[in-house]
Protein backbone atom coordinates (compact mmCIF):
# COMPACT_ATOMS: atom_id res chain seq x y z
CA UNK A 1 0.00 0.00 0.00
CA UNK A 2 2.80 2.36 0.87
CA UNK A 3 4.46 1.70 -2.53
CA UNK A 4 1.15 2.35 -4.31
CA UNK A 5 0.65 5.57 -2.39
CA UNK A 6 4.14 6.78 -3.25
CA UNK A 7 3.59 5.94 -6.91
CA UNK A 8 0.31 7.81 -6.92
CA UNK A 9 1.93 10.85 -5.32
CA UNK A 10 4.72 10.81 -7.91
CA UNK A 11 2.17 10.59 -10.72
CA UNK A 12 0.23 13.56 -9.33
CA UNK A 13 3.41 15.61 -9.00
CA UNK A 14 4.44 14.68 -12.57
CA UNK A 15 1.02 15.64 -13.94
CA UNK A 16 1.11 18.98 -12.11
CA UNK A 17 4.61 19.65 -13.42
CA UNK A 18 3.49 18.85 -16.96
CA UNK A 19 0.57 21.24 -16.62
CA UNK A 20 2.89 23.96 -15.33
CA UNK A 21 5.37 23.37 -18.17
CA UNK A 22 2.65 23.50 -20.82
CA UNK A 23 2.53 26.97 -22.38
CA UNK A 24 -0.62 28.99 -21.81
CA UNK A 25 -3.14 28.94 -24.62
CA UNK A 26 -2.48 31.77 -27.05
CA UNK A 27 -5.33 34.11 -28.02
CA UNK A 28 -6.73 33.55 -31.47
CA UNK A 29 -5.08 35.74 -34.12
CA UNK A 30 -7.13 38.65 -35.43
CA UNK A 31 -8.99 38.17 -38.71
CA UNK A 32 -6.89 38.80 -41.78
CA UNK A 33 -8.53 42.16 -42.49
CA UNK A 34 -7.47 43.49 -39.05
CA UNK A 35 -3.83 42.54 -39.49
CA UNK A 36 -1.58 45.58 -39.79
CA UNK A 37 -3.48 47.89 -37.43
CA UNK A 38 -1.41 50.19 -35.26
CA UNK A 39 -2.34 50.58 -31.54
CA UNK A 40 -4.34 53.75 -32.20
CA UNK A 41 -6.52 51.88 -34.72
CA UNK A 42 -7.37 49.01 -32.41
CA UNK A 43 -10.77 50.46 -31.53
CA UNK A 44 -11.67 51.50 -35.08
CA UNK A 45 -15.22 50.70 -36.14
CA UNK A 46 -14.24 50.31 -39.81
CA UNK A 47 -14.95 46.85 -41.18
CA UNK A 48 -15.57 45.00 -44.47
CA UNK A 49 -19.17 44.77 -45.69
CA UNK A 50 -20.89 41.42 -46.09
CA UNK A 51 -22.78 40.59 -49.27
CA UNK A 52 -26.45 39.58 -49.37
CA UNK A 53 -25.82 35.83 -49.27
CA UNK A 54 -29.16 34.99 -50.88
CA UNK A 55 -29.11 37.96 -53.24
CA UNK A 56 -31.81 40.57 -53.68
CA UNK A 57 -34.53 41.09 -56.26
CA UNK A 58 -34.14 44.08 -58.56
CA UNK A 59 -37.62 45.33 -57.60
CA UNK A 60 -36.35 45.84 -54.04
CA UNK A 61 -33.40 48.00 -55.10
CA UNK A 62 -33.12 51.65 -56.17
CA UNK A 63 -32.09 50.82 -59.74
CA UNK A 64 -33.25 54.28 -60.84
CA UNK A 65 -30.29 55.78 -58.94
CA UNK A 66 -27.83 54.31 -61.46
CA UNK A 67 -26.37 56.92 -63.82
CA UNK A 68 -24.43 56.63 -67.10
CA UNK A 69 -23.27 59.31 -69.59
CA UNK A 70 -25.75 60.84 -72.07
CA UNK A 71 -26.77 58.44 -74.83
CA UNK A 72 -26.15 55.38 -72.65
CA UNK A 73 -28.73 53.22 -70.89
CA UNK A 74 -28.35 50.89 -67.88
CA UNK A 75 -30.83 48.12 -67.06
CA UNK A 76 -31.04 44.85 -65.14
CA UNK A 77 -29.92 42.01 -67.44
CA UNK A 78 -30.18 39.05 -65.01
CA UNK A 79 -30.90 38.49 -61.33
CA UNK A 80 -30.97 35.60 -58.90
CA UNK A 81 -27.19 34.99 -58.94
CA UNK A 82 -26.12 35.37 -55.27
CA UNK A 83 -22.49 36.45 -54.99
CA UNK A 84 -22.06 37.01 -58.76
CA UNK A 85 -18.45 37.96 -59.49
CA UNK A 86 -16.30 37.10 -62.54
CA UNK A 87 -17.90 36.84 -65.98
CA UNK A 88 -17.02 34.70 -69.01
CA UNK A 89 -18.85 34.33 -72.33
CA UNK A 90 -19.21 31.00 -74.09
CA UNK A 91 -19.15 30.49 -77.85
CA UNK A 92 -22.89 29.78 -77.92
CA UNK A 93 -23.78 32.86 -75.91
CA UNK A 94 -23.81 31.33 -72.43
CA UNK A 95 -22.59 33.74 -69.76
CA UNK A 96 -20.75 31.93 -66.96
CA UNK A 97 -20.54 33.61 -63.55
CA UNK A 98 -18.15 32.73 -60.71
CA UNK A 99 -18.59 33.43 -57.00
CA UNK A 100 -16.17 34.18 -54.18
CA UNK A 101 -18.09 33.79 -50.90
CA UNK A 102 -20.28 30.99 -52.25
CA UNK A 103 -19.41 27.64 -53.82
CA UNK A 104 -21.31 27.88 -57.10
CA UNK A 105 -20.77 28.72 -60.75
CA UNK A 106 -23.82 29.94 -62.67
CA UNK A 107 -24.76 29.98 -66.33
CA UNK A 108 -27.14 32.50 -67.87
CA UNK A 109 -28.80 31.20 -71.03
CA UNK A 110 -31.46 32.44 -73.46
CA UNK A 111 -34.48 30.14 -73.66
CA UNK A 112 -37.80 30.99 -75.30
CA UNK A 113 -36.88 34.64 -75.53
CA UNK A 114 -36.15 34.82 -71.80
CA UNK A 115 -32.98 34.58 -69.74
CA UNK A 116 -32.63 31.68 -67.38
CA UNK A 117 -30.10 31.29 -64.56
CA UNK A 118 -28.78 27.80 -63.91
CA UNK A 119 -26.36 26.64 -61.22
CA UNK A 120 -24.01 24.46 -63.26
CA UNK A 121 -21.26 23.74 -60.72
CA UNK A 122 -21.73 23.31 -56.96
CA UNK A 123 -19.60 22.63 -53.89
CA UNK A 124 -16.44 24.32 -55.15
CA UNK A 125 -13.96 26.23 -52.99
CA UNK A 126 -14.38 29.94 -53.77
CA UNK A 127 -14.69 29.54 -57.58
CA UNK A 128 -14.07 33.23 -58.26
CA UNK A 129 -12.20 32.97 -61.56
CA UNK A 130 -13.87 31.83 -64.79
CA UNK A 131 -12.68 32.00 -68.39
CA UNK A 132 -13.98 30.35 -71.56
CA UNK A 133 -11.79 29.35 -74.49
CA UNK A 134 -12.29 26.98 -77.45
CA UNK A 135 -15.26 25.15 -75.98
CA UNK A 136 -13.79 24.80 -72.50
CA UNK A 137 -14.68 26.56 -69.26
CA UNK A 138 -11.76 27.02 -66.87
CA UNK A 139 -12.54 27.64 -63.20
CA UNK A 140 -10.07 28.96 -60.61
CA UNK A 141 -10.75 27.92 -57.03
CA UNK A 142 -8.56 28.94 -54.11
CA UNK A 143 -6.32 25.87 -54.53
CA UNK A 144 -6.60 24.75 -58.15
CA UNK A 145 -7.64 25.46 -61.73
CA UNK A 146 -9.99 22.97 -63.38
CA UNK A 147 -11.30 22.60 -66.94
CA UNK A 148 -14.77 21.55 -68.11
CA UNK A 149 -14.64 20.56 -71.78
CA UNK A 150 -17.74 20.91 -73.95
CA UNK A 151 -19.73 22.37 -71.06
CA UNK A 152 -22.11 24.41 -73.22
CA UNK A 153 -23.46 21.14 -74.64
CA UNK A 154 -24.09 19.65 -71.19
CA UNK A 155 -25.06 22.43 -68.81
CA UNK A 156 -27.39 20.12 -66.89
CA UNK A 157 -24.62 17.59 -66.27
CA UNK A 158 -21.15 19.02 -66.89
CA UNK A 159 -19.43 16.09 -65.16
CA UNK A 160 -16.20 16.12 -63.20
CA UNK A 161 -13.64 18.71 -64.19
CA UNK A 162 -10.09 17.88 -65.21
CA UNK A 163 -7.42 19.48 -63.03
CA UNK A 164 -5.03 21.78 -64.88
CA UNK A 165 -2.96 22.64 -61.81
CA UNK A 166 -3.39 21.94 -58.09
CA UNK A 167 -1.62 22.99 -54.88
CA UNK A 168 -2.10 26.74 -55.33
CA UNK A 169 -2.97 27.26 -51.65
CA UNK A 170 -0.92 24.68 -49.72
CA UNK A 171 -1.20 26.47 -46.36
CA UNK A 172 -4.83 27.62 -46.54
CA UNK A 173 -3.71 31.24 -46.42
CA UNK A 174 -6.07 33.47 -44.42
CA UNK A 175 -6.13 36.43 -46.79
CA UNK A 176 -6.50 37.10 -50.53
CA UNK A 177 -6.88 33.47 -51.55
CA UNK A 178 -9.52 34.01 -54.26
CA UNK A 179 -8.30 34.07 -57.84
CA UNK A 180 -9.04 35.94 -61.02
CA UNK A 181 -8.45 34.00 -64.23
CA UNK A 182 -7.84 35.14 -67.81
CA UNK A 183 -6.56 33.59 -71.03
CA UNK A 184 -3.55 35.44 -72.41
CA UNK A 185 -2.70 36.07 -76.07
CA UNK A 186 -0.06 33.35 -75.67
CA UNK A 187 -2.71 30.70 -74.90
CA UNK A 188 -1.70 30.48 -71.25
CA UNK A 189 -3.95 30.93 -68.21
CA UNK A 190 -3.00 33.87 -66.01
CA UNK A 191 -4.03 33.92 -62.35
CA UNK A 192 -3.20 35.84 -59.20
CA UNK A 193 -2.04 34.58 -55.83
CA UNK A 194 -2.59 37.39 -53.35
CA UNK A 195 -0.63 38.24 -50.24
CA UNK A 196 -1.65 36.05 -47.26
CA UNK A 197 -2.50 39.09 -45.13
CA UNK A 198 -2.79 42.83 -45.20
CA UNK A 199 0.90 43.65 -44.83
CA UNK A 200 3.15 40.60 -44.46
CA UNK A 201 6.21 39.12 -46.11
CA UNK A 202 4.85 36.77 -48.80
CA UNK A 203 6.41 33.52 -49.89
CA UNK A 204 7.96 33.20 -53.35
CA UNK A 205 4.67 32.32 -55.08
CA UNK A 206 2.42 34.80 -53.23
CA UNK A 207 1.78 38.45 -54.14
CA UNK A 208 2.24 37.52 -57.79
CA UNK A 209 0.51 37.09 -61.11
CA UNK A 210 1.50 33.73 -62.57
CA UNK A 211 0.63 31.76 -65.68
CA UNK A 212 0.16 28.11 -66.48
CA UNK A 213 0.16 26.29 -69.81
CA UNK A 214 -3.18 24.42 -69.82
CA UNK A 215 -1.73 21.70 -72.07
CA UNK A 216 1.29 20.84 -69.91
CA UNK A 217 0.47 22.21 -66.43
CA UNK A 218 3.83 24.01 -66.37
CA UNK A 219 3.56 27.23 -64.36
CA UNK A 220 5.78 30.27 -63.97
CA UNK A 221 5.72 33.55 -62.11
CA UNK A 222 5.02 36.45 -64.46
CA UNK A 223 5.25 39.53 -62.18
CA UNK A 224 5.89 40.04 -58.46
CA UNK A 225 5.19 42.59 -55.74
CA UNK A 226 1.44 42.55 -56.45
CA UNK A 227 -0.47 42.61 -53.16
CA UNK A 228 -3.77 41.49 -54.66
CA UNK A 229 -4.97 41.78 -58.23
CA UNK A 230 -8.41 40.36 -59.03
CA UNK A 231 -8.74 41.88 -62.48
CA UNK A 232 -6.49 42.08 -65.55
CA UNK A 233 -6.64 42.19 -69.35
CA UNK A 234 -4.40 42.72 -72.40
CA UNK A 235 -4.26 45.83 -74.54
CA UNK A 236 -5.85 44.91 -77.88
CA UNK A 237 -3.02 46.51 -79.89
CA UNK A 238 0.16 46.23 -77.82
CA UNK A 239 -0.80 42.90 -76.19
CA UNK A 240 0.66 44.19 -72.92
CA UNK A 241 -0.92 43.00 -69.69
CA UNK A 242 -2.68 45.67 -67.58
CA UNK A 243 -3.96 44.95 -64.07
CA UNK A 244 -5.52 46.59 -61.04
CA UNK A 245 -3.99 46.17 -57.60
CA UNK A 246 -5.29 46.58 -54.04
CA UNK A 247 -2.88 48.45 -51.79
CA UNK A 248 -2.52 47.76 -48.08
CA UNK A 249 -5.02 48.79 -45.41
CA UNK A 250 -4.56 50.66 -42.11
CA UNK A 251 -1.94 53.12 -43.28
CA UNK A 252 -4.31 56.11 -43.46
CA UNK A 253 -7.60 57.26 -44.97
CA UNK A 254 -5.81 58.63 -48.03
CA UNK A 255 -2.77 56.38 -48.38
CA UNK A 256 -1.87 54.32 -50.17
CA UNK A 257 -3.75 54.50 -53.46
CA UNK A 258 -4.98 51.40 -55.20
CA UNK A 259 -3.31 51.31 -58.58
CA UNK A 260 -3.41 50.38 -62.27
CA UNK A 261 -0.31 48.80 -63.78
CA UNK A 262 1.10 48.14 -67.23
CA UNK A 263 3.42 45.16 -67.71
CA UNK A 264 6.01 45.85 -70.40
CA UNK A 265 8.10 42.77 -69.67
CA UNK A 266 8.05 39.55 -67.68
CA UNK A 267 9.72 39.73 -64.27
CA UNK A 268 8.63 43.22 -63.24
CA UNK A 269 8.28 43.85 -59.50
CA UNK A 270 5.71 46.37 -58.27
CA UNK A 271 6.99 46.72 -54.72
CA UNK A 272 4.79 44.90 -52.20
CA UNK A 273 5.43 44.72 -49.25
CA UNK A 274 8.27 47.25 -49.37
CA UNK A 275 6.73 50.09 -51.37
CA UNK A 276 3.14 51.16 -52.14
CA UNK A 277 1.75 53.17 -55.10
CA UNK A 278 5.28 53.51 -56.48
CA UNK A 279 6.41 56.22 -54.06
CA UNK A 280 5.37 55.35 -50.48
CA UNK A 281 7.69 53.13 -48.41
CA UNK A 282 5.95 50.79 -45.99
CA UNK A 283 6.56 51.86 -42.35
CA UNK A 284 7.68 48.35 -41.43
CA UNK A 285 8.99 46.54 -44.50
CA UNK A 286 10.22 49.60 -46.38
CA UNK A 287 12.62 50.94 -43.74
CA UNK A 288 15.78 49.84 -45.54
CA UNK A 289 14.50 49.78 -49.12
CA UNK A 290 13.97 52.42 -51.80
CA UNK A 291 10.89 52.75 -53.99
CA UNK A 292 13.26 53.39 -56.91
CA UNK A 293 14.02 49.65 -56.88
CA UNK A 294 10.53 48.83 -58.09
CA UNK A 295 8.29 49.42 -61.09
CA UNK A 296 5.82 52.28 -60.81
CA UNK A 297 2.08 52.15 -61.52
CA UNK A 298 0.51 53.61 -64.65
CA UNK A 299 -2.21 55.33 -62.62
CA UNK A 300 -3.25 55.95 -59.01
CA UNK A 301 -6.94 55.13 -58.65
CA UNK A 302 -7.72 56.44 -55.16
CA UNK A 303 -7.28 55.11 -51.65
CA UNK A 304 -9.03 51.80 -50.89
CA UNK A 305 -11.36 51.94 -53.93
CA UNK A 306 -10.83 48.19 -54.57
CA UNK A 307 -10.43 47.72 -58.34
CA UNK A 308 -11.45 44.23 -59.38
CA UNK A 309 -12.81 43.07 -62.75
CA UNK A 310 -11.53 45.06 -65.75
CA UNK A 311 -11.67 44.79 -69.54
CA UNK A 312 -10.50 46.76 -72.53
CA UNK A 313 -13.46 47.87 -74.62
CA UNK A 314 -13.30 46.18 -78.02
CA UNK A 315 -16.96 46.43 -79.06
CA UNK A 316 -18.51 48.59 -81.79
CA UNK A 317 -21.67 49.82 -80.03
CA UNK A 318 -20.10 52.62 -77.97
CA UNK A 319 -18.76 55.81 -79.59
CA UNK A 320 -15.37 55.54 -81.30
CA UNK A 321 -13.57 57.37 -78.51
CA UNK A 322 -14.31 54.45 -76.18
CA UNK A 323 -12.34 52.01 -78.32
CA UNK A 324 -9.49 50.37 -76.37
CA UNK A 325 -10.45 52.21 -73.18
CA UNK A 326 -10.47 50.21 -69.93
CA UNK A 327 -13.60 49.68 -67.89
CA UNK A 328 -12.80 48.73 -64.30
CA UNK A 329 -15.21 47.84 -61.50
CA UNK A 330 -14.32 49.73 -58.31
CA UNK A 331 -15.98 47.65 -55.62
CA UNK A 332 -15.53 50.44 -53.09
CA UNK A 333 -13.72 51.25 -49.87
CA UNK A 334 -14.36 50.03 -46.35
CA UNK A 335 -11.02 50.98 -44.75
CA UNK A 336 -11.73 54.70 -45.00
CA UNK A 337 -13.77 57.13 -42.88
CA UNK A 338 -15.36 58.71 -45.95
CA UNK A 339 -16.07 55.97 -48.48
CA UNK A 340 -15.31 56.17 -52.18
CA UNK A 341 -15.36 53.98 -55.28
CA UNK A 342 -18.52 51.91 -55.76
CA UNK A 343 -18.68 52.58 -59.51
CA UNK A 344 -17.49 51.47 -62.91
CA UNK A 345 -14.73 53.78 -64.07
CA UNK A 346 -13.57 54.48 -67.61
CA UNK A 347 -9.80 54.68 -68.05
CA UNK A 348 -8.44 56.32 -71.20
CA UNK A 349 -5.05 54.94 -72.19
CA UNK A 350 -2.75 57.02 -74.37
CA UNK A 351 -0.14 55.76 -76.80
CA UNK A 352 2.69 56.21 -74.30
CA UNK A 353 1.34 53.93 -71.58
CA UNK A 354 -0.19 56.75 -69.57
CA UNK A 355 -3.81 56.81 -68.42
CA UNK A 356 -6.52 59.05 -67.01
CA UNK A 357 -9.84 58.12 -65.44
CA UNK A 358 -13.45 59.29 -65.22
CA UNK A 359 -16.64 57.80 -63.70
CA UNK A 360 -18.86 55.83 -66.09
CA UNK A 361 -21.55 53.95 -64.12
CA UNK A 362 -22.38 55.53 -60.76
CA UNK A 363 -25.20 55.55 -58.20
CA UNK A 364 -24.37 52.59 -55.96
CA UNK A 365 -22.89 54.86 -53.27
CA UNK A 366 -25.69 56.52 -51.30
CA UNK A 367 -24.10 58.01 -48.16
CA UNK A 368 -20.31 58.10 -48.05
CA UNK A 369 -20.28 58.24 -44.22
CA UNK A 370 -22.95 55.59 -43.54
CA UNK A 371 -22.43 51.98 -42.46
CA UNK A 372 -22.94 50.53 -45.03
CA UNK A 373 -22.69 53.44 -47.48
CA UNK A 374 -24.01 51.64 -50.55
CA UNK A 375 -26.78 49.43 -51.90
CA UNK A 376 -24.70 47.60 -54.52
CA UNK A 377 -21.10 46.89 -55.50
CA UNK A 378 -19.71 46.39 -59.04
CA UNK A 379 -17.58 43.24 -59.27
CA UNK A 380 -16.72 42.53 -62.93
CA UNK A 381 -17.30 43.87 -66.42
CA UNK A 382 -17.50 42.07 -69.77
CA UNK A 383 -18.00 43.21 -73.36
CA UNK A 384 -20.77 41.33 -75.16
CA UNK A 385 -20.82 40.44 -78.87
CA UNK A 386 -23.20 43.29 -79.63
CA UNK A 387 -20.83 45.76 -77.95
CA UNK A 388 -22.87 46.28 -74.79
CA UNK A 389 -21.21 46.01 -71.38
CA UNK A 390 -22.28 43.63 -68.63
CA UNK A 391 -21.55 44.55 -65.01
CA UNK A 392 -21.89 42.05 -62.16
CA UNK A 393 -22.91 43.10 -58.65
CA UNK A 394 -21.92 40.47 -56.10
CA UNK A 395 -23.58 42.34 -53.23
CA UNK A 396 -27.05 41.72 -54.68
CA UNK A 397 -26.50 38.89 -57.14
CA UNK A 398 -27.47 40.97 -60.18
CA UNK A 399 -25.97 41.60 -63.63
CA UNK A 400 -26.60 44.96 -65.32
CA UNK A 401 -26.31 45.78 -69.03
CA UNK A 402 -25.04 49.13 -70.31
CA UNK A 403 -25.90 49.94 -73.94
CA UNK A 404 -25.55 52.96 -76.20
CA UNK A 405 -28.34 54.32 -78.37
CA UNK A 406 -26.89 57.65 -79.44
CA UNK A 407 -27.87 61.16 -78.50
């Protein structure tokens, strides 16, 4: 009995010692969007705005507040697409729509003179990026790119996709994991991998735009120092890649600007996390670096305006001066006391790579100091065959059409 008692006492002492040696539980890290706050910002009430997860009907929205330039018209083209983000057009006229916060890919088809919305893919992991090429729909999830061959002929049963490339998010990064997807003039798929937080040191494959050959699966980094681009396109004449970029949060209301960039060569580096907007060193990572090391933006778009989907205008419906202009969806600021953005902006590109901007589709922003300040948020733009412009609104699950009828 005495031996048993001693053994029990030793076991208790050992258990207590183990408990004392065990480190105290660490508090959960802040959400990704709070990372990078300074102590004075800890009590800030600024926050991202959630979408309407089930969407909203157009009849319940102030559509009449939307404004376009004289001669243009804006109308609801399709509704009932919760979380509608990236747009892609099939060869037979199907419009495919990706989502970020949801797990679905939609298709909008014409049937009996009416548009019908179908959910064609379900259960995916943030299928934000969609692109259609030569009969195939490519879908970019957070961790992979998949192809669906001949999907327009089998919308009711597209089958299992074929993986083009996997392993794009090996660590389940907490921030900027969703991907935009576009087919380049070289036949390769271009996609972004954002920074894993607001202001952090990324790994070699993060904060980049990369490309993959869909035939071989071989991938390569195209440009670096890109905090988060979820919209890019190629100039119709020069074939140069242009992209929008989200700058860091929690620096100030007015700094840094989100930016538009022109890629004149592979291997360019646009500065993240060391330098923002081409001329503003980061307080932490930029202490011993110079902004002159990095490539500058083509245009500053405004602080926290959140440029996402963008396309060069190549249609014939709009006046001639719109040819080869960029339309970019500015989803709008949250990390700013007085909100801005929340519109589709026209960017006029000159022959020297310079650019200037002006509002094109406005009216989503209602009260720049309210919480929330808007009733809708542009997410992507796409030129249709007839030259009209589609604009997705992921906040409400609606697609608008902008057309031109002359003065």
